[in-house]
Amino acid sequence: MLDELWSSAPYGSKTELLKKLETVTSSWVTDGLLSADDRSTILATARGAQFVP
């Protein structure tokens, strides 16, 4: 998952990072690589994290 996220780095804002994270985690859930509950946890944690460009 990190490889997919870092392939679009650097991110200019937290919003850009969150959009990519939402896309990647959604595709992982669809492919059976991540549970919906784990996706929710990842997204909630990322939303609460501080972003430093």
C-alpha atoms as a PDB file:
ATOM      1  CA  MET A   1       0.000   0.000   0.000  1.00  0.00           C
ATOM      2  CA  LEU A   2       2.797   2.412   0.832  1.00  0.00           C
ATOM      3  CA  ASP A   3       4.322   1.915  -2.605  1.00  0.00           C
ATOM      4  CA  GLU A   4       1.037   3.009  -4.154  1.00  0.00           C
ATOM      5  CA  LEU A   5       0.839   6.054  -1.904  1.00  0.00           C
ATOM      6  CA  TRP A   6       4.447   7.114  -2.408  1.00  0.00           C
ATOM      7  CA  SER A   7       4.186   6.732  -6.187  1.00  0.00           C
ATOM      8  CA  SER A   8       2.159   9.976  -6.201  1.00  0.00           C
ATOM      9  CA  ALA A   9       4.329  11.825  -3.689  1.00  0.00           C
ATOM     10  CA  PRO A  10       5.072  14.513  -2.876  1.00  0.00           C
ATOM     11  CA  TYR A  11       1.636  15.682  -1.827  1.00  0.00           C
ATOM     12  CA  GLY A  12       1.060  19.411  -1.688  1.00  0.00           C
ATOM     13  CA  SER A  13      -1.675  19.157   0.906  1.00  0.00           C
ATOM     14  CA  LYS A  14      -3.335  16.809   3.329  1.00  0.00           C
ATOM     15  CA  THR A  15      -6.408  16.820   1.071  1.00  0.00           C
ATOM     16  CA  GLU A  16      -4.363  15.441  -1.840  1.00  0.00           C
ATOM     17  CA  LEU A  17      -2.912  12.705   0.361  1.00  0.00           C
ATOM     18  CA  LEU A  18      -6.330  11.768   1.751  1.00  0.00           C
ATOM     19  CA  LYS A  19      -7.853  11.560  -1.741  1.00  0.00           C
ATOM     20  CA  LYS A  20      -5.107   9.172  -2.859  1.00  0.00           C
ATOM     21  CA  LEU A  21      -5.448   7.156   0.353  1.00  0.00           C
ATOM     22  CA  GLU A  22      -9.208   6.882  -0.146  1.00  0.00           C
ATOM     23  CA  THR A  23      -8.674   5.610  -3.705  1.00  0.00           C
ATOM     24  CA  VAL A  24      -5.973   3.116  -2.770  1.00  0.00           C
ATOM     25  CA  THR A  25      -7.804   1.713   0.248  1.00  0.00           C
ATOM     26  CA  SER A  26     -11.045   1.416  -1.706  1.00  0.00           C
ATOM     27  CA  SER A  27      -9.315  -0.609  -4.376  1.00  0.00           C
ATOM     28  CA  TRP A  28      -7.669  -2.797  -1.748  1.00  0.00           C
ATOM     29  CA  VAL A  29     -11.063  -3.522  -0.175  1.00  0.00           C
ATOM     30  CA  THR A  30     -12.515  -4.355  -3.597  1.00  0.00           C
ATOM     31  CA  ASP A  31      -9.591  -6.710  -4.276  1.00  0.00           C
ATOM     32  CA  GLY A  32     -10.016  -8.427  -0.897  1.00  0.00           C
ATOM     33  CA  LEU A  33      -6.656  -7.217   0.404  1.00  0.00           C
ATOM     34  CA  LEU A  34      -8.104  -5.059   3.183  1.00  0.00           C
ATOM     35  CA  SER A  35     -11.263  -5.249   5.258  1.00  0.00           C
ATOM     36  CA  ALA A  36     -13.770  -2.410   5.273  1.00  0.00           C
ATOM     37  CA  ASP A  37     -13.199  -1.993   9.021  1.00  0.00           C
ATOM     38  CA  ASP A  38      -9.437  -1.696   8.533  1.00  0.00           C
ATOM     39  CA  ARG A  39     -10.016   0.842   5.759  1.00  0.00           C
ATOM     40  CA  SER A  40     -12.166   2.918   8.103  1.00  0.00           C
ATOM     41  CA  THR A  41      -9.466   2.814  10.767  1.00  0.00           C
ATOM     42  CA  ILE A  42      -6.758   3.842   8.298  1.00  0.00           C
ATOM     43  CA  LEU A  43      -8.809   6.755   6.963  1.00  0.00           C
ATOM     44  CA  ALA A  44      -9.810   7.968  10.428  1.00  0.00           C
ATOM     45  CA  THR A  45      -6.203   7.854  11.576  1.00  0.00           C
ATOM     46  CA  ALA A  46      -5.012   9.727   8.489  1.00  0.00           C
ATOM     47  CA  ARG A  47      -7.709  12.389   8.901  1.00  0.00           C
ATOM     48  CA  GLY A  48      -6.578  12.972  12.473  1.00  0.00           C
ATOM     49  CA  ALA A  49      -2.888  13.092  11.652  1.00  0.00           C
ATOM     50  CA  GLN A  50      -0.909  16.275  11.260  1.00  0.00           C
ATOM     51  CA  PHE A  51       0.288  16.955   7.714  1.00  0.00           C
ATOM     52  CA  VAL A  52       3.674  18.568   7.242  1.00  0.00           C
ATOM     53  CA  PRO A  53       4.587  19.201   3.592  1.00  0.00           C
END
